[in-house]
């Protein structure tokens, strides 16, 4: 018991740090004023690869990496993960640059419910009643924006679908989070380098032409990897249900930044749709907590009494 509490505390701090860093990403990507989202994306890929190579070397993970790369036929799902995470990263940067952080936050609020729906549709998992109600409520929230506001929150939907599908494929890859992300960025690296060479050859690259932009583009690799390392530390020490609750820190911070820092407008219909989706998340979280081993054992002990 004496060692469990400090480890759980460390895990909670790591988890809070990871999701807080992800939640503050809009502040970082808003600094790339004048740099197109696709250029930020390719540098994020390139410098993530460089920084992760250093981390992998320090942690002596190269045997895992070499083993993964030695079996090209098994890299299909990893390549799918790479494409999906590139879509997610690029669209997120675009959302920040076009002042649509509210839509981005909505996408990450929706992600857990997308995961539930994909588990049912693709993996044949069974949804409990509260989960089914939660998914249906999320659909109502989206339809409210579609019919009452007259716009499709496509950024939210693509972010949630891409990250949810990424998680689906990622579960089928036998690599830890750090090694998996490194292999994914390595697969994307040739495309990133080709695009960078094209930008340089056409004299439209912001890299090396502007010291501020150059520093930020290089820093994007570190900014990408740090929350992942913190998350890995949390995942080793915390139950999945605890991590599930901590994940709401990310979109909540994005939501608050959109309102208080970027001054994005939030109409009454949009707010109502957010409230419906938050209600869906509350039901989903309650269902997850009720089905956790801790809650089940607690109910069993109460029954024995």
Foldseek 3Di string as FASTA:
>chain_A
DVVQVVLLVLLVVLLLVLLLLLQCVLVLLLVLPPAQLVLLLLLLLQLLLVVLVVVCVVVVVVVVLVVVVVDVVVCPLLLLLLVLVSVLSSLCSVCSNVLNLLLVLLLLLCQVLLLVVCCCVPVVDDDDPLSVVLNVLLVVLQVLCCPVVVDHSVSSVSNSNSVSVSVVSVVVDPDDQSSSSNSSSVVCNVVSVVVVVVCVVVVNDPAPVDVVNNVSSSCSSVSVCSSSVSNSSSVVSDDVLVSVVSNNSNSVSSNCCSCPPVVDDQDPSNVVSVVSNVVSVVSVSVVVVCPDPVNVVVVVVVVVD
